[in-house]
Amino acid sequence: MLVLASASPRRRELLTQAGFTFEIHPAHIPEDPLPNEDPIAYVTRLARQKAEAVFAALSKASAPSLVVLGSDTTVTLDNHILGKPENEEDAARMLRLLSGRTHRVVTGVAIVTELRTEVAAEVTAVQFLTLSEKEIRDYIATGEPSDKAGAYAIQGHAARWIPRIEGCYFNVVGLPISLVSTLLQSLQ
């Protein structure tokens, strides 16, 4: 039985689109980066902690075939983590930082079973066009940036500002499906 340790509607949609059958049991853990924590270390730590927390909560009542998928995504620019914006001003700050630059989207993935834990990360480079202050204000007014790492959604209105990516598109949406599929196949 596959369990997604996330309440993210994007992760749910991507897993469903890829043909996976799963249950949802969100993990509730603190998501603050540690001092000077590298972005890859940060997302893989959170992915593992989410998967382990849900596995621990469900393992006593579940079959030995329990497989828990944990994931966390962040945006990083100049090795600084840009998580979800705290408010509209923070979203505007992040979008100004990304404007006209290439940043990285990093997703950590963890698979926890009774016998083992697999952890990996996917990194995608995303190029942004230069944004005007009006574009930033109008975008924030849509509400779309409020719960997204880096204050944008590639699959939403922000798509018009992204001329190029290098790497996995689905990683930028929130879950690198090919990596997840590979990790799950390695369990068989």
N, C-alpha and C. Protein backbone atom coordinates (compact mmCIF):
# COMPACT_ATOMS: atom_id res chain seq x y z
N MET A 1 0.85 -1.18 0.00
CA MET A 1 0.00 0.00 0.00
C MET A 1 0.89 1.24 0.00
N LEU A 2 0.71 2.11 -1.00
CA LEU A 2 1.47 3.36 -1.10
C LEU A 2 0.71 4.47 -0.40
N VAL A 3 1.43 5.22 0.43
CA VAL A 3 0.86 6.35 1.16
C VAL A 3 1.69 7.59 0.84
N LEU A 4 1.02 8.66 0.47
CA LEU A 4 1.65 9.95 0.23
C LEU A 4 1.61 10.76 1.52
N ALA A 5 2.77 11.12 2.03
CA ALA A 5 2.87 11.87 3.29
C ALA A 5 2.83 13.37 3.01
N SER A 6 1.77 13.80 2.31
CA SER A 6 1.67 15.19 1.90
C SER A 6 0.22 15.55 1.62
N ALA A 7 -0.14 16.79 1.92
CA ALA A 7 -1.48 17.28 1.59
C ALA A 7 -1.46 18.08 0.29
N SER A 8 -0.32 18.13 -0.38
CA SER A 8 -0.19 18.94 -1.60
C SER A 8 -1.11 18.45 -2.71
N PRO A 9 -2.00 19.31 -3.18
CA PRO A 9 -2.86 18.90 -4.29
C PRO A 9 -2.06 18.65 -5.56
N ARG A 10 -0.94 19.34 -5.74
CA ARG A 10 -0.12 19.12 -6.93
C ARG A 10 0.52 17.74 -6.90
N ARG A 11 1.03 17.32 -5.77
CA ARG A 11 1.64 15.98 -5.67
C ARG A 11 0.57 14.91 -5.89
N ARG A 12 -0.59 15.13 -5.32
CA ARG A 12 -1.71 14.19 -5.51
C ARG A 12 -2.06 14.07 -6.99
N GLU A 13 -2.18 15.20 -7.67
CA GLU A 13 -2.52 15.20 -9.10
C GLU A 13 -1.45 14.51 -9.93
N LEU A 14 -0.18 14.76 -9.64
CA LEU A 14 0.90 14.15 -10.41
C LEU A 14 0.95 12.64 -10.23
N LEU A 15 0.80 12.18 -8.99
CA LEU A 15 0.79 10.72 -8.76
C LEU A 15 -0.40 10.06 -9.45
N THR A 16 -1.56 10.70 -9.38
CA THR A 16 -2.75 10.16 -10.04
C THR A 16 -2.55 10.13 -11.55
N GLN A 17 -2.04 11.22 -12.10
CA GLN A 17 -1.79 11.32 -13.53
C GLN A 17 -0.84 10.22 -14.01
N ALA A 18 0.12 9.86 -13.18
CA ALA A 18 1.10 8.83 -13.53
C ALA A 18 0.57 7.41 -13.31
N GLY A 19 -0.66 7.29 -12.80
CA GLY A 19 -1.28 5.98 -12.66
C GLY A 19 -1.06 5.28 -11.34
N PHE A 20 -0.56 5.99 -10.34
CA PHE A 20 -0.35 5.37 -9.03
C PHE A 20 -1.65 5.35 -8.23
N THR A 21 -1.83 4.30 -7.45
CA THR A 21 -2.92 4.19 -6.49
C THR A 21 -2.31 4.42 -5.12
N PHE A 22 -2.91 5.29 -4.33
CA PHE A 22 -2.29 5.66 -3.06
C PHE A 22 -3.33 6.25 -2.12
N GLU A 23 -2.95 6.31 -0.85
CA GLU A 23 -3.72 7.00 0.17
C GLU A 23 -2.94 8.24 0.59
N ILE A 24 -3.62 9.16 1.22
CA ILE A 24 -2.99 10.41 1.65
C ILE A 24 -3.04 10.50 3.18
N HIS A 25 -1.88 10.69 3.77
CA HIS A 25 -1.76 10.93 5.22
C HIS A 25 -0.69 12.00 5.40
N PRO A 26 -1.08 13.27 5.45
CA PRO A 26 -0.08 14.33 5.57
C PRO A 26 0.75 14.22 6.84
N ALA A 27 2.00 14.57 6.71
CA ALA A 27 2.90 14.64 7.86
C ALA A 27 2.86 16.07 8.39
N HIS A 28 2.97 16.19 9.67
CA HIS A 28 2.99 17.52 10.29
C HIS A 28 4.28 17.65 11.07
N ILE A 29 5.28 18.20 10.41
CA ILE A 29 6.59 18.38 11.04
C ILE A 29 7.03 19.83 10.82
N PRO A 30 7.93 20.34 11.66
CA PRO A 30 8.47 21.67 11.42
C PRO A 30 9.28 21.68 10.12
N GLU A 31 9.14 22.73 9.32
CA GLU A 31 9.81 22.76 8.02
C GLU A 31 10.85 23.87 7.91
N ASP A 32 11.35 24.34 9.03
CA ASP A 32 12.35 25.40 9.00
C ASP A 32 13.73 24.83 8.65
N PRO A 33 14.47 25.53 7.79
CA PRO A 33 15.83 25.07 7.50
C PRO A 33 16.72 25.24 8.73
N LEU A 34 17.70 24.36 8.84
CA LEU A 34 18.69 24.48 9.89
C LEU A 34 19.68 25.58 9.50
N PRO A 35 20.38 26.16 10.45
CA PRO A 35 21.35 27.22 10.12
C PRO A 35 22.36 26.72 9.08
N ASN A 36 22.54 27.48 8.02
CA ASN A 36 23.50 27.18 6.94
C ASN A 36 23.24 25.85 6.23
N GLU A 37 22.01 25.36 6.29
CA GLU A 37 21.70 24.07 5.66
C GLU A 37 21.64 24.22 4.14
N ASP A 38 22.33 23.34 3.47
CA ASP A 38 22.34 23.30 2.01
C ASP A 38 20.93 22.94 1.51
N PRO A 39 20.47 23.53 0.40
CA PRO A 39 19.12 23.25 -0.09
C PRO A 39 18.83 21.76 -0.34
N ILE A 40 19.78 21.02 -0.88
CA ILE A 40 19.55 19.58 -1.11
C ILE A 40 19.45 18.85 0.22
N ALA A 41 20.32 19.16 1.15
CA ALA A 41 20.25 18.54 2.48
C ALA A 41 18.92 18.88 3.16
N TYR A 42 18.47 20.11 2.98
CA TYR A 42 17.21 20.56 3.57
C TYR A 42 16.02 19.76 3.06
N VAL A 43 15.86 19.68 1.73
CA VAL A 43 14.67 18.99 1.20
C VAL A 43 14.73 17.48 1.41
N THR A 44 15.92 16.89 1.37
CA THR A 44 15.99 15.44 1.61
C THR A 44 15.74 15.13 3.09
N ARG A 45 16.21 16.00 3.97
CA ARG A 45 15.92 15.81 5.41
C ARG A 45 14.42 15.87 5.66
N LEU A 46 13.76 16.90 5.11
CA LEU A 46 12.31 17.02 5.32
C LEU A 46 11.54 15.87 4.68
N ALA A 47 11.93 15.46 3.49
CA ALA A 47 11.25 14.33 2.84
C ALA A 47 11.35 13.08 3.70
N ARG A 48 12.54 12.82 4.22
CA ARG A 48 12.75 11.64 5.08
C ARG A 48 11.93 11.76 6.37
N GLN A 49 11.97 12.93 7.01
CA GLN A 49 11.24 13.10 8.26
C GLN A 49 9.73 12.94 8.05
N LYS A 50 9.20 13.46 6.95
CA LYS A 50 7.78 13.31 6.66
C LYS A 50 7.42 11.84 6.47
N ALA A 51 8.20 11.16 5.64
CA ALA A 51 7.92 9.74 5.37
C ALA A 51 8.07 8.90 6.63
N GLU A 52 9.10 9.15 7.41
CA GLU A 52 9.30 8.38 8.65
C GLU A 52 8.19 8.64 9.66
N ALA A 53 7.74 9.89 9.78
CA ALA A 53 6.68 10.21 10.73
C ALA A 53 5.38 9.50 10.36
N VAL A 54 5.03 9.50 9.08
CA VAL A 54 3.80 8.84 8.65
C VAL A 54 3.96 7.32 8.74
N PHE A 55 5.13 6.80 8.40
CA PHE A 55 5.35 5.36 8.52
C PHE A 55 5.19 4.92 9.97
N ALA A 56 5.77 5.67 10.90
CA ALA A 56 5.66 5.33 12.32
C ALA A 56 4.21 5.36 12.79
N ALA A 57 3.45 6.34 12.30
CA ALA A 57 2.04 6.46 12.72
C ALA A 57 1.17 5.35 12.15
N LEU A 58 1.49 4.86 10.96
CA LEU A 58 0.64 3.88 10.29
C LEU A 58 1.13 2.44 10.38
N SER A 59 2.40 2.23 10.68
CA SER A 59 2.98 0.89 10.57
C SER A 59 2.37 -0.13 11.51
N LYS A 60 1.92 0.27 12.67
CA LYS A 60 1.34 -0.69 13.62
C LYS A 60 0.00 -1.22 13.14
N ALA A 61 -0.73 -0.39 12.40
CA ALA A 61 -2.06 -0.80 11.96
C ALA A 61 -2.09 -1.26 10.50
N SER A 62 -0.94 -1.23 9.83
CA SER A 62 -0.92 -1.55 8.40
C SER A 62 -0.23 -2.86 8.12
N ALA A 63 -0.44 -3.32 6.92
CA ALA A 63 0.21 -4.53 6.44
C ALA A 63 1.71 -4.28 6.28
N PRO A 64 2.51 -5.34 6.25
CA PRO A 64 3.96 -5.15 6.07
C PRO A 64 4.31 -4.54 4.71
N SER A 65 3.34 -4.46 3.83
CA SER A 65 3.61 -3.90 2.50
C SER A 65 3.50 -2.37 2.47
N LEU A 66 3.43 -1.72 3.63
CA LEU A 66 3.31 -0.27 3.70
C LEU A 66 4.53 0.41 3.08
N VAL A 67 4.27 1.33 2.15
CA VAL A 67 5.30 2.14 1.50
C VAL A 67 4.86 3.59 1.64
N VAL A 68 5.71 4.41 2.28
CA VAL A 68 5.36 5.82 2.48
C VAL A 68 6.30 6.69 1.65
N LEU A 69 5.69 7.61 0.91
CA LEU A 69 6.41 8.55 0.07
C LEU A 69 6.36 9.93 0.72
N GLY A 70 7.52 10.46 1.04
CA GLY A 70 7.63 11.81 1.56
C GLY A 70 8.36 12.67 0.54
N SER A 71 8.02 13.94 0.50
CA SER A 71 8.63 14.83 -0.48
C SER A 71 8.62 16.27 0.04
N ASP A 72 9.60 17.03 -0.40
CA ASP A 72 9.62 18.45 -0.09
C ASP A 72 10.33 19.18 -1.23
N THR A 73 9.80 20.33 -1.60
CA THR A 73 10.34 21.11 -2.71
C THR A 73 10.68 22.51 -2.24
N THR A 74 11.82 23.03 -2.71
CA THR A 74 12.17 24.40 -2.43
C THR A 74 12.77 25.04 -3.68
N VAL A 75 12.80 26.34 -3.66
CA VAL A 75 13.45 27.12 -4.70
C VAL A 75 14.72 27.67 -4.08
N THR A 76 15.81 27.65 -4.85
CA THR A 76 17.06 28.17 -4.33
C THR A 76 17.71 29.09 -5.36
N LEU A 77 18.19 30.19 -4.87
CA LEU A 77 18.87 31.18 -5.70
C LEU A 77 20.16 31.55 -4.98
N ASP A 78 21.28 31.38 -5.67
CA ASP A 78 22.59 31.65 -5.04
C ASP A 78 22.74 30.86 -3.74
N ASN A 79 22.23 29.64 -3.76
CA ASN A 79 22.29 28.70 -2.62
C ASN A 79 21.50 29.17 -1.40
N HIS A 80 20.60 30.14 -1.58
CA HIS A 80 19.69 30.57 -0.52
C HIS A 80 18.33 29.94 -0.76
N ILE A 81 17.72 29.42 0.29
CA ILE A 81 16.42 28.76 0.20
C ILE A 81 15.31 29.80 0.17
N LEU A 82 14.44 29.68 -0.83
CA LEU A 82 13.24 30.51 -0.90
C LEU A 82 12.05 29.58 -0.72
N GLY A 83 11.53 29.52 0.49
CA GLY A 83 10.38 28.66 0.77
C GLY A 83 9.08 29.32 0.35
N LYS A 84 8.01 28.98 1.04
CA LYS A 84 6.71 29.59 0.76
C LYS A 84 6.71 31.00 1.35
N PRO A 85 6.15 31.96 0.63
CA PRO A 85 6.16 33.33 1.16
C PRO A 85 5.28 33.47 2.39
N GLU A 86 5.72 34.31 3.31
CA GLU A 86 4.97 34.54 4.54
C GLU A 86 3.75 35.44 4.31
N ASN A 87 3.85 36.32 3.32
CA ASN A 87 2.77 37.27 3.03
C ASN A 87 3.00 37.84 1.63
N GLU A 88 2.19 38.79 1.23
CA GLU A 88 2.30 39.36 -0.11
C GLU A 88 3.62 40.11 -0.31
N GLU A 89 4.09 40.80 0.71
CA GLU A 89 5.35 41.51 0.60
C GLU A 89 6.51 40.54 0.40
N ASP A 90 6.46 39.42 1.11
CA ASP A 90 7.50 38.40 0.96
C ASP A 90 7.44 37.77 -0.43
N ALA A 91 6.23 37.55 -0.95
CA ALA A 91 6.08 37.02 -2.31
C ALA A 91 6.69 37.99 -3.32
N ALA A 92 6.42 39.28 -3.16
CA ALA A 92 6.98 40.29 -4.07
C ALA A 92 8.51 40.30 -3.99
N ARG A 93 9.05 40.18 -2.79
CA ARG A 93 10.51 40.12 -2.61
C ARG A 93 11.09 38.94 -3.37
N MET A 94 10.47 37.78 -3.24
CA MET A 94 10.97 36.58 -3.92
C MET A 94 10.90 36.72 -5.43
N LEU A 95 9.78 37.23 -5.93
CA LEU A 95 9.63 37.38 -7.37
C LEU A 95 10.64 38.40 -7.94
N ARG A 96 10.93 39.44 -7.17
CA ARG A 96 11.96 40.40 -7.61
C ARG A 96 13.33 39.73 -7.68
N LEU A 97 13.61 38.85 -6.70
CA LEU A 97 14.88 38.13 -6.71
C LEU A 97 15.00 37.20 -7.92
N LEU A 98 13.90 36.54 -8.29
CA LEU A 98 13.92 35.59 -9.40
C LEU A 98 13.91 36.28 -10.76
N SER A 99 13.39 37.48 -10.81
CA SER A 99 13.21 38.23 -12.06
C SER A 99 14.51 38.33 -12.85
N GLY A 100 14.46 37.88 -14.12
CA GLY A 100 15.61 37.99 -15.00
C GLY A 100 16.76 37.07 -14.69
N ARG A 101 16.54 36.07 -13.85
CA ARG A 101 17.62 35.18 -13.40
C ARG A 101 17.23 33.72 -13.60
N THR A 102 18.20 32.87 -13.46
CA THR A 102 17.97 31.42 -13.46
C THR A 102 18.17 30.93 -12.04
N HIS A 103 17.18 30.18 -11.56
CA HIS A 103 17.27 29.62 -10.21
C HIS A 103 17.12 28.10 -10.30
N ARG A 104 17.23 27.45 -9.17
CA ARG A 104 17.07 25.99 -9.12
C ARG A 104 15.85 25.63 -8.27
N VAL A 105 15.15 24.62 -8.72
CA VAL A 105 14.09 24.01 -7.92
C VAL A 105 14.62 22.65 -7.49
N VAL A 106 14.58 22.41 -6.18
CA VAL A 106 15.13 21.18 -5.63
C VAL A 106 14.03 20.45 -4.88
N THR A 107 13.83 19.18 -5.23
CA THR A 107 12.85 18.35 -4.52
C THR A 107 13.55 17.15 -3.93
N GLY A 108 13.31 16.94 -2.64
CA GLY A 108 13.78 15.74 -1.97
C GLY A 108 12.66 14.73 -1.95
N VAL A 109 13.00 13.47 -2.16
CA VAL A 109 12.03 12.38 -2.16
C VAL A 109 12.55 11.29 -1.23
N ALA A 110 11.67 10.75 -0.40
CA ALA A 110 12.04 9.64 0.48
C ALA A 110 10.96 8.56 0.40
N ILE A 111 11.40 7.33 0.30
CA ILE A 111 10.52 6.18 0.32
C ILE A 111 10.89 5.37 1.56
N VAL A 112 9.93 5.15 2.44
CA VAL A 112 10.18 4.39 3.67
C VAL A 112 9.32 3.14 3.67
N THR A 113 9.96 2.00 3.90
CA THR A 113 9.27 0.72 4.06
C THR A 113 9.76 0.08 5.34
N GLU A 114 9.21 -1.07 5.64
CA GLU A 114 9.63 -1.80 6.83
C GLU A 114 11.11 -2.19 6.76
N LEU A 115 11.59 -2.46 5.55
CA LEU A 115 12.95 -2.98 5.39
C LEU A 115 14.00 -1.93 5.07
N ARG A 116 13.59 -0.81 4.46
CA ARG A 116 14.61 0.16 4.08
C ARG A 116 14.03 1.54 3.80
N THR A 117 14.95 2.48 3.69
CA THR A 117 14.61 3.86 3.34
C THR A 117 15.49 4.28 2.18
N GLU A 118 14.86 4.86 1.16
CA GLU A 118 15.58 5.38 -0.01
C GLU A 118 15.34 6.89 -0.06
N VAL A 119 16.41 7.65 -0.24
CA VAL A 119 16.30 9.11 -0.30
C VAL A 119 17.07 9.61 -1.52
N ALA A 120 16.46 10.54 -2.25
CA ALA A 120 17.12 11.12 -3.43
C ALA A 120 16.63 12.54 -3.62
N ALA A 121 17.28 13.26 -4.52
CA ALA A 121 16.88 14.64 -4.83
C ALA A 121 16.93 14.85 -6.34
N GLU A 122 16.08 15.73 -6.79
CA GLU A 122 16.03 16.15 -8.20
C GLU A 122 16.25 17.65 -8.23
N VAL A 123 17.04 18.13 -9.20
CA VAL A 123 17.32 19.55 -9.33
C VAL A 123 16.99 19.98 -10.76
N THR A 124 16.24 21.06 -10.90
CA THR A 124 15.88 21.60 -12.20
C THR A 124 16.21 23.09 -12.21
N ALA A 125 16.86 23.52 -13.29
CA ALA A 125 17.17 24.95 -13.47
C ALA A 125 16.00 25.61 -14.19
N VAL A 126 15.56 26.76 -13.68
CA VAL A 126 14.42 27.48 -14.25
C VAL A 126 14.83 28.91 -14.55
N GLN A 127 14.65 29.32 -15.79
CA GLN A 127 14.97 30.69 -16.21
C GLN A 127 13.72 31.55 -16.16
N PHE A 128 13.83 32.71 -15.57
CA PHE A 128 12.73 33.68 -15.47
C PHE A 128 13.02 34.87 -16.37
N LEU A 129 12.00 35.38 -17.03
CA LEU A 129 12.11 36.65 -17.72
C LEU A 129 12.15 37.78 -16.68
N THR A 130 12.50 38.97 -17.10
CA THR A 130 12.47 40.12 -16.20
C THR A 130 11.02 40.55 -16.01
N LEU A 131 10.63 40.72 -14.76
CA LEU A 131 9.25 41.07 -14.42
C LEU A 131 9.15 42.55 -14.06
N SER A 132 8.07 43.17 -14.47
CA SER A 132 7.81 44.56 -14.06
C SER A 132 7.13 44.54 -12.69
N GLU A 133 7.15 45.66 -12.02
CA GLU A 133 6.46 45.77 -10.73
C GLU A 133 4.96 45.51 -10.90
N LYS A 134 4.39 45.96 -12.01
CA LYS A 134 2.97 45.72 -12.27
C LYS A 134 2.70 44.23 -12.44
N GLU A 135 3.56 43.54 -13.17
CA GLU A 135 3.37 42.09 -13.34
C GLU A 135 3.44 41.38 -11.99
N ILE A 136 4.36 41.79 -11.15
CA ILE A 136 4.49 41.19 -9.82
C ILE A 136 3.23 41.46 -9.00
N ARG A 137 2.77 42.71 -8.97
CA ARG A 137 1.55 43.05 -8.20
C ARG A 137 0.35 42.28 -8.71
N ASP A 138 0.17 42.25 -10.04
CA ASP A 138 -0.98 41.56 -10.63
C ASP A 138 -0.94 40.07 -10.33
N TYR A 139 0.25 39.49 -10.38
CA TYR A 139 0.38 38.06 -10.11
C TYR A 139 0.06 37.75 -8.64
N ILE A 140 0.57 38.55 -7.75
CA ILE A 140 0.28 38.35 -6.33
C ILE A 140 -1.21 38.47 -6.06
N ALA A 141 -1.88 39.38 -6.77
CA ALA A 141 -3.33 39.57 -6.60
C ALA A 141 -4.14 38.33 -6.99
N THR A 142 -3.56 37.44 -7.80
CA THR A 142 -4.27 36.19 -8.16
C THR A 142 -4.33 35.22 -6.99
N GLY A 143 -3.46 35.40 -5.98
CA GLY A 143 -3.39 34.48 -4.85
C GLY A 143 -2.54 33.25 -5.12
N GLU A 144 -2.14 33.06 -6.36
CA GLU A 144 -1.39 31.86 -6.73
C GLU A 144 -0.06 31.70 -5.97
N PRO A 145 0.69 32.77 -5.70
CA PRO A 145 2.00 32.60 -5.05
C PRO A 145 1.94 32.20 -3.58
N SER A 146 0.80 32.30 -2.95
CA SER A 146 0.73 32.22 -1.48
C SER A 146 1.23 30.93 -0.87
N ASP A 147 1.06 29.79 -1.52
CA ASP A 147 1.48 28.53 -0.89
C ASP A 147 2.50 27.78 -1.74
N LYS A 148 3.28 28.54 -2.52
CA LYS A 148 4.26 27.93 -3.42
C LYS A 148 5.67 28.35 -3.05
N ALA A 149 6.58 27.38 -3.03
CA ALA A 149 7.99 27.70 -2.82
C ALA A 149 8.44 28.64 -3.92
N GLY A 150 9.14 29.69 -3.54
CA GLY A 150 9.59 30.68 -4.51
C GLY A 150 8.50 31.62 -4.99
N ALA A 151 7.30 31.47 -4.48
CA ALA A 151 6.16 32.35 -4.76
C ALA A 151 5.65 32.28 -6.19
N TYR A 152 5.81 31.10 -6.83
CA TYR A 152 5.24 30.97 -8.17
C TYR A 152 4.87 29.52 -8.47
N ALA A 153 4.00 29.35 -9.46
CA ALA A 153 3.59 28.03 -9.94
C ALA A 153 3.86 27.96 -11.44
N ILE A 154 4.77 27.09 -11.86
CA ILE A 154 5.10 26.96 -13.27
C ILE A 154 3.89 26.52 -14.08
N GLN A 155 2.98 25.79 -13.46
CA GLN A 155 1.80 25.28 -14.16
C GLN A 155 0.65 26.28 -14.15
N GLY A 156 0.90 27.46 -13.59
CA GLY A 156 -0.14 28.48 -13.51
C GLY A 156 0.22 29.70 -14.33
N HIS A 157 -0.19 30.86 -13.84
CA HIS A 157 0.03 32.13 -14.55
C HIS A 157 1.51 32.43 -14.79
N ALA A 158 2.38 31.97 -13.92
CA ALA A 158 3.81 32.27 -14.05
C ALA A 158 4.44 31.58 -15.26
N ALA A 159 3.75 30.64 -15.87
CA ALA A 159 4.29 29.94 -17.04
C ALA A 159 4.73 30.91 -18.13
N ARG A 160 4.07 32.03 -18.22
CA ARG A 160 4.39 33.00 -19.29
C ARG A 160 5.74 33.67 -19.10
N TRP A 161 6.34 33.55 -17.92
CA TRP A 161 7.63 34.18 -17.64
C TRP A 161 8.79 33.19 -17.65
N ILE A 162 8.53 31.94 -18.03
CA ILE A 162 9.55 30.90 -17.95
C ILE A 162 9.85 30.37 -19.35
N PRO A 163 10.84 30.95 -20.02
CA PRO A 163 11.14 30.53 -21.37
C PRO A 163 11.90 29.21 -21.46
N ARG A 164 12.55 28.81 -20.38
CA ARG A 164 13.40 27.61 -20.46
C ARG A 164 13.59 26.99 -19.09
N ILE A 165 13.58 25.66 -19.11
CA ILE A 165 14.00 24.91 -17.93
C ILE A 165 15.01 23.87 -18.38
N GLU A 166 15.86 23.46 -17.47
CA GLU A 166 16.79 22.35 -17.72
C GLU A 166 16.56 21.35 -16.62
N GLY A 167 15.95 20.21 -16.99
CA GLY A 167 15.66 19.17 -16.03
C GLY A 167 14.20 18.79 -16.08
N CYS A 168 13.73 18.21 -15.01
CA CYS A 168 12.39 17.64 -14.92
C CYS A 168 11.33 18.71 -14.66
N TYR A 169 10.40 18.86 -15.59
CA TYR A 169 9.29 19.80 -15.42
C TYR A 169 8.46 19.46 -14.18
N PHE A 170 8.17 18.17 -14.00
CA PHE A 170 7.32 17.75 -12.88
C PHE A 170 7.96 18.06 -11.53
N ASN A 171 9.29 18.11 -11.50
CA ASN A 171 9.99 18.52 -10.30
C ASN A 171 9.61 19.94 -9.91
N VAL A 172 9.49 20.81 -10.92
CA VAL A 172 9.14 22.21 -10.65
C VAL A 172 7.70 22.32 -10.17
N VAL A 173 6.83 21.44 -10.67
CA VAL A 173 5.43 21.41 -10.21
C VAL A 173 5.38 20.93 -8.75
N GLY A 174 6.28 20.03 -8.36
CA GLY A 174 6.31 19.60 -6.96
C GLY A 174 6.64 18.15 -6.71
N LEU A 175 6.77 17.32 -7.77
CA LEU A 175 7.12 15.91 -7.55
C LEU A 175 7.74 15.33 -8.82
N PRO A 176 9.03 14.98 -8.75
CA PRO A 176 9.69 14.40 -9.92
C PRO A 176 9.22 12.95 -10.13
N ILE A 177 8.20 12.80 -10.95
CA ILE A 177 7.53 11.51 -11.11
C ILE A 177 8.48 10.40 -11.55
N SER A 178 9.36 10.68 -12.49
CA SER A 178 10.29 9.66 -12.97
C SER A 178 11.19 9.16 -11.83
N LEU A 179 11.69 10.07 -11.01
CA LEU A 179 12.52 9.68 -9.87
C LEU A 179 11.71 8.85 -8.88
N VAL A 180 10.49 9.27 -8.59
CA VAL A 180 9.62 8.52 -7.67
C VAL A 180 9.37 7.11 -8.21
N SER A 181 9.06 7.02 -9.50
CA SER A 181 8.80 5.74 -10.13
C SER A 181 10.03 4.82 -10.05
N THR A 182 11.19 5.38 -10.32
CA THR A 182 12.43 4.60 -10.24
C THR A 182 12.67 4.08 -8.83
N LEU A 183 12.47 4.94 -7.83
CA LEU A 183 12.67 4.52 -6.44
C LEU A 183 11.67 3.43 -6.04
N LEU A 184 10.42 3.58 -6.45
CA LEU A 184 9.42 2.58 -6.13
C LEU A 184 9.72 1.25 -6.82
N GLN A 185 10.19 1.29 -8.05
CA GLN A 185 10.55 0.05 -8.78
C GLN A 185 11.72 -0.64 -8.11
N SER A 186 12.62 0.13 -7.51
CA SER A 186 13.78 -0.48 -6.86
C SER A 186 13.40 -1.30 -5.63
N LEU A 187 12.17 -1.10 -5.14
CA LEU A 187 11.71 -1.87 -3.98
C LEU A 187 11.27 -3.27 -4.35
N GLN A 188 10.99 -3.49 -5.63
CA GLN A 188 10.46 -4.78 -6.07
C GLN A 188 11.55 -5.80 -6.29
